[in-house]
Amino acid sequence: MQASFTASHRAGSGEPLVCIHGFTDTWRTWELVLPALERRHDVLAVTLAGHAGGPPLADRPDAATLADALERAMDDAGFERAHIVGNSLGGYVALQLAARGRARSLVALAPAGGWAEGDQSYRPTLEHFIDTQRLAKAAVPYVDQIVATPEGRRTATQFIATNYEHIPAELIAHQMLGVANCQALAPLIELALREGWSVDTQRIECPARVVWGTADRLLPWPAASARFREELARADWIELEGVGHCPQLDVPARAAELILGLTASC
């Protein structure tokens, strides 16, 4: 399969909604929820800087780099403020944008950066991404064969979803190729090890909903949410029993319902 990546997707009508994917992923992680979201919103799904199809990443990124790039994308789209939804690293960036006053509402699906102070369990998580990219690069010549079988699709999605049978094989293949082609992996891991995770949650004033799957294998619930559960205590916290790291892929109908349920109330 040939790798084909684009920087963003925009469609639909209504109030603006920005979707931000996770580490090593692309905007296409939202494909299964886009039809529902686009019936109610002008949706902009953006590929993060340094990720496959996204804009270049600065040689030495800092804690503001990804959020700065997202703000430029919002400005280019004419979105002064928007409903913002993000998953994993994208959830962390969504929190940063909300702290900057760019969010009408915020839905964070298993946002990164929520480890308690002193918790070093983020280090094995970062090592996981290094190993995953190494495996993805080795698998590139065999992607079509891997996604052609249920066993291959299960293996490829085991860390992001518990329910995988409904995810199109072509989308799984795209994600595997996206991981292999993510140029941001090393510099963003170096950034995390050097500076940690920085977001001023006290400045978040918009309505917020945090969603976490209890079967998340990348950011395990509840340990990986400890800081945010304390700092975002006023947010609407929702546990999804048996759901993995990417609810938009795992249970797309439920994920869309949770996103639209908040945006409709704002």
Protein backbone atom coordinates (compact mmCIF):
# COMPACT_ATOMS: atom_id res chain seq x y z
CA MET A 1 0.00 0.00 0.00
CA GLN A 2 1.29 3.47 -0.90
CA ALA A 3 1.44 5.96 1.94
CA SER A 4 -0.74 9.02 1.27
CA PHE A 5 -1.04 11.68 3.95
CA THR A 6 -2.70 15.09 4.09
CA ALA A 7 -2.37 17.97 6.52
CA SER A 8 -6.03 18.37 7.41
CA HIS A 9 -9.67 17.68 6.63
CA ARG A 10 -12.52 20.17 6.76
CA ALA A 11 -16.21 19.56 6.15
CA GLY A 12 -19.65 20.08 7.64
CA SER A 13 -21.53 23.15 8.79
CA GLY A 14 -22.38 24.80 12.08
CA GLU A 15 -20.24 26.04 14.95
CA PRO A 16 -16.52 25.32 14.47
CA LEU A 17 -15.08 22.12 15.93
CA VAL A 18 -11.39 21.19 15.91
CA CYS A 19 -10.24 17.55 16.25
CA ILE A 20 -6.67 16.77 17.36
CA HIS A 21 -5.20 13.27 17.12
CA GLY A 22 -2.69 11.48 19.33
CA PHE A 23 1.05 10.81 19.18
CA THR A 24 2.23 9.25 15.86
CA ASP A 25 -1.35 9.25 14.51
CA THR A 26 -2.95 11.48 11.81
CA TRP A 27 -6.23 13.36 11.44
CA ARG A 28 -7.80 10.24 9.97
CA THR A 29 -8.19 8.73 13.44
CA TRP A 30 -11.46 10.73 13.52
CA GLU A 31 -12.94 9.22 10.34
CA LEU A 32 -15.46 7.01 12.09
CA VAL A 33 -16.96 9.92 14.05
CA LEU A 34 -16.72 12.61 11.36
CA PRO A 35 -20.11 11.91 9.70
CA ALA A 36 -21.92 12.53 13.00
CA LEU A 37 -19.81 15.55 13.93
CA GLU A 38 -20.13 17.17 10.49
CA ARG A 39 -23.93 17.10 10.65
CA ARG A 40 -23.72 19.62 13.50
CA HIS A 41 -20.37 21.36 13.08
CA ASP A 42 -17.87 22.92 10.70
CA VAL A 43 -15.17 20.37 11.50
CA LEU A 44 -11.43 20.90 11.09
CA ALA A 45 -9.36 17.77 11.76
CA VAL A 46 -5.67 18.64 11.74
CA THR A 47 -2.49 16.57 11.56
CA LEU A 48 0.00 17.66 14.21
CA ALA A 49 3.35 19.16 13.28
CA GLY A 50 5.98 16.53 12.56
CA HIS A 51 3.40 13.81 12.00
CA ALA A 52 2.73 12.17 8.64
CA GLY A 53 1.18 14.81 6.39
CA GLY A 54 1.47 17.60 8.95
CA PRO A 55 3.62 20.73 8.83
CA PRO A 56 7.33 20.47 9.69
CA LEU A 57 8.32 20.38 13.33
CA ALA A 58 10.85 22.87 14.68
CA ASP A 59 14.37 21.49 15.09
CA ARG A 60 14.13 21.92 18.86
CA PRO A 61 10.45 22.01 19.81
CA ASP A 62 9.32 23.40 23.13
CA ALA A 63 6.18 22.91 25.20
CA ALA A 64 4.27 25.47 23.10
CA THR A 65 5.26 24.25 19.63
CA LEU A 66 2.31 21.97 18.85
CA ALA A 67 -0.28 24.34 20.30
CA ASP A 68 1.25 27.25 18.36
CA ALA A 69 0.84 25.27 15.12
CA LEU A 70 -2.76 24.42 16.00
CA GLU A 71 -3.51 28.09 16.67
CA ARG A 72 -2.15 28.97 13.24
CA ALA A 73 -4.39 26.32 11.68
CA MET A 74 -7.38 27.74 13.54
CA ASP A 75 -6.48 31.27 12.42
CA ASP A 76 -6.15 30.11 8.80
CA ALA A 77 -9.59 28.47 9.05
CA GLY A 78 -11.10 31.65 10.47
CA PHE A 79 -11.80 30.06 13.87
CA GLU A 80 -11.27 32.62 16.63
CA ARG A 81 -12.68 30.08 19.07
CA ALA A 82 -13.95 26.55 18.51
CA HIS A 83 -15.20 23.49 20.29
CA ILE A 84 -12.07 21.40 20.67
CA VAL A 85 -11.71 17.63 21.03
CA GLY A 86 -8.40 15.82 21.39
CA ASN A 87 -7.16 12.32 22.08
CA SER A 88 -3.98 11.43 23.99
CA LEU A 89 -1.25 13.89 22.93
CA GLY A 90 -4.03 15.73 21.09
CA GLY A 91 -5.95 15.91 24.35
CA TYR A 92 -2.96 17.54 25.99
CA VAL A 93 -2.72 20.08 23.16
CA ALA A 94 -6.47 20.67 23.44
CA LEU A 95 -5.98 21.52 27.12
CA GLN A 96 -3.24 23.99 26.15
CA LEU A 97 -5.53 25.66 23.61
CA ALA A 98 -8.34 25.85 26.15
CA ALA A 99 -5.94 27.50 28.61
CA ARG A 100 -5.21 30.08 25.90
CA GLY A 101 -8.89 30.90 25.61
CA ARG A 102 -9.37 29.35 22.16
CA ALA A 103 -11.98 26.76 23.20
CA ARG A 104 -15.76 27.17 23.39
CA SER A 105 -15.83 23.73 24.96
CA LEU A 106 -13.29 20.97 25.51
CA VAL A 107 -13.56 17.20 25.21
CA ALA A 108 -10.34 15.37 26.14
CA LEU A 109 -10.19 11.65 25.41
CA ALA A 110 -7.46 10.12 27.61
CA PRO A 111 -5.31 13.27 27.50
CA ALA A 112 -1.57 12.85 27.97
CA GLY A 113 0.30 14.68 30.72
CA GLY A 114 -1.93 13.69 33.64
CA TRP A 115 0.57 11.68 35.65
CA ALA A 116 0.96 12.66 39.29
CA GLU A 117 4.09 14.56 40.26
CA GLY A 118 6.93 12.10 40.69
CA ASP A 119 5.17 9.32 38.77
CA GLN A 120 7.76 7.94 36.34
CA SER A 121 5.41 5.55 34.54
CA TYR A 122 5.36 7.89 31.54
CA ARG A 123 8.86 6.67 30.68
CA PRO A 124 7.78 3.12 29.70
CA THR A 125 4.97 4.73 27.69
CA LEU A 126 7.49 6.77 25.70
CA GLU A 127 9.64 3.66 25.23
CA HIS A 128 6.55 1.88 23.89
CA PHE A 129 6.26 4.44 21.10
CA ILE A 130 9.90 3.95 20.16
CA ASP A 131 9.39 0.19 19.94
CA THR A 132 6.12 0.62 18.04
CA GLN A 133 7.71 2.82 15.39
CA ARG A 134 10.57 0.36 14.97
CA LEU A 135 8.07 -2.45 14.42
CA ALA A 136 5.92 -0.31 12.12
CA LYS A 137 8.90 0.52 9.90
CA ALA A 138 9.77 -3.16 9.66
CA ALA A 139 6.15 -3.99 8.80
CA VAL A 140 5.79 -1.44 5.97
CA PRO A 141 6.40 -3.97 3.15
CA TYR A 142 3.82 -6.32 4.68
CA VAL A 143 1.05 -3.90 5.69
CA ASP A 144 -1.48 -5.21 3.16
CA GLN A 145 -0.96 -8.79 4.32
CA ILE A 146 -1.19 -7.82 7.99
CA VAL A 147 -4.51 -6.00 7.72
CA ALA A 148 -5.97 -8.70 5.46
CA THR A 149 -6.56 -11.03 8.44
CA PRO A 150 -8.50 -10.59 11.69
CA GLU A 151 -5.40 -11.66 13.61
CA GLY A 152 -3.28 -9.03 11.91
CA ARG A 153 -5.84 -6.30 12.52
CA ARG A 154 -6.11 -7.34 16.17
CA THR A 155 -2.34 -7.18 16.61
CA ALA A 156 -2.13 -3.78 14.89
CA THR A 157 -4.83 -2.22 17.09
CA GLN A 158 -4.25 -3.95 20.42
CA PHE A 159 -2.88 -0.86 22.18
CA ILE A 160 -5.49 1.61 20.93
CA ALA A 161 -8.82 -0.23 20.92
CA THR A 162 -10.52 -3.21 22.50
CA ASN A 163 -13.17 -3.30 19.75
CA TYR A 164 -11.50 -3.47 16.35
CA GLU A 165 -13.67 -5.57 14.03
CA HIS A 166 -15.52 -2.51 12.67
CA ILE A 167 -12.36 -0.49 11.90
CA PRO A 168 -11.70 -0.61 8.14
CA ALA A 169 -8.56 -2.48 7.14
CA GLU A 170 -7.46 0.45 4.99
CA LEU A 171 -7.65 2.82 7.97
CA ILE A 172 -5.60 0.46 10.11
CA ALA A 173 -3.01 0.24 7.34
CA HIS A 174 -2.93 4.03 7.08
CA GLN A 175 -2.30 4.31 10.80
CA MET A 176 0.53 1.80 10.67
CA LEU A 177 2.16 3.76 7.86
CA GLY A 178 1.57 6.98 9.78
CA VAL A 179 3.48 5.61 12.76
CA ALA A 180 6.35 4.56 10.50
CA ASN A 181 6.47 8.01 8.88
CA CYS A 182 6.16 10.13 12.04
CA GLN A 183 9.21 12.41 12.09
CA ALA A 184 8.23 13.98 15.42
CA LEU A 185 8.72 10.87 17.52
CA ALA A 186 12.32 11.38 18.65
CA PRO A 187 12.22 15.18 19.19
CA LEU A 188 8.91 15.07 21.08
CA ILE A 189 10.12 12.26 23.31
CA GLU A 190 13.29 14.23 24.01
CA LEU A 191 11.10 17.24 24.84
CA ALA A 192 8.97 15.22 27.26
CA LEU A 193 12.04 13.82 29.01
CA ARG A 194 13.64 17.27 29.17
CA GLU A 195 10.69 19.45 30.19
CA GLY A 196 7.84 17.17 31.22
CA TRP A 197 4.25 18.27 30.62
CA SER A 198 3.19 21.86 31.06
CA VAL A 199 -0.36 23.20 30.87
CA ASP A 200 -1.96 25.83 33.10
CA THR A 201 -5.24 24.08 33.80
CA GLN A 202 -6.29 26.89 36.15
CA ARG A 203 -6.83 29.10 33.10
CA ILE A 204 -9.34 26.72 31.52
CA GLU A 205 -12.73 28.40 31.89
CA CYS A 206 -14.80 26.70 29.18
CA PRO A 207 -17.07 23.70 29.80
CA ALA A 208 -14.90 20.56 29.83
CA ARG A 209 -15.47 16.82 29.60
CA VAL A 210 -12.76 14.22 30.17
CA VAL A 211 -13.37 10.69 28.87
CA TRP A 212 -11.22 7.68 29.76
CA GLY A 213 -11.51 4.02 28.86
CA THR A 214 -10.95 1.63 31.75
CA ALA A 215 -9.08 -0.75 29.41
CA ASP A 216 -6.58 1.90 28.21
CA ARG A 217 -3.23 0.13 27.77
CA LEU A 218 -1.21 3.25 26.92
CA LEU A 219 -2.41 5.68 29.60
CA PRO A 220 -3.89 3.35 32.21
CA TRP A 221 -6.94 4.49 34.10
CA PRO A 222 -6.90 5.92 36.72
CA ALA A 223 -3.16 6.32 37.34
CA ALA A 224 -2.41 8.32 34.19
CA SER A 225 -5.19 10.78 35.02
CA ALA A 226 -4.20 11.60 38.62
CA ARG A 227 -3.06 15.18 38.07
CA PHE A 228 -6.00 16.12 35.86
CA ARG A 229 -8.57 14.56 38.19
CA GLU A 230 -7.34 16.93 40.86
CA GLU A 231 -6.84 20.03 38.71
CA LEU A 232 -9.94 19.55 36.55
CA ALA A 233 -12.26 18.40 39.29
CA ARG A 234 -15.05 20.64 37.94
CA ALA A 235 -14.96 18.93 34.56
CA ASP A 236 -17.44 16.23 33.60
CA TRP A 237 -15.53 12.97 34.05
CA ILE A 238 -16.76 9.90 32.19
CA GLU A 239 -15.38 6.35 32.42
CA LEU A 240 -15.99 4.02 29.49
CA GLU A 241 -15.98 0.48 30.79
CA GLY A 242 -13.81 -1.89 28.75
CA VAL A 243 -12.82 0.76 26.20
CA GLY A 244 -9.24 1.34 25.10
CA HIS A 245 -7.05 4.36 24.45
CA CYS A 246 -8.86 5.75 21.38
CA PRO A 247 -12.63 5.86 21.97
CA GLN A 248 -13.15 7.52 18.56
CA LEU A 249 -11.95 4.24 17.01
CA ASP A 250 -13.05 1.81 19.70
CA VAL A 251 -16.65 2.99 20.23
CA PRO A 252 -17.20 5.71 17.60
CA ALA A 253 -20.95 6.10 18.10
CA ARG A 254 -20.52 6.59 21.85
CA ALA A 255 -17.55 8.93 21.34
CA ALA A 256 -19.54 11.09 18.92
CA GLU A 257 -22.47 11.16 21.35
CA LEU A 258 -20.22 12.36 24.18
CA ILE A 259 -18.64 15.06 22.01
CA LEU A 260 -21.93 16.35 20.63
CA GLY A 261 -23.63 16.13 23.99
CA LEU A 262 -21.22 18.72 25.36
CA THR A 263 -21.09 21.00 22.33
CA ALA A 264 -24.88 21.15 22.17
CA SER A 265 -25.04 22.41 25.75
CA CYS A 266 -22.63 25.32 25.21
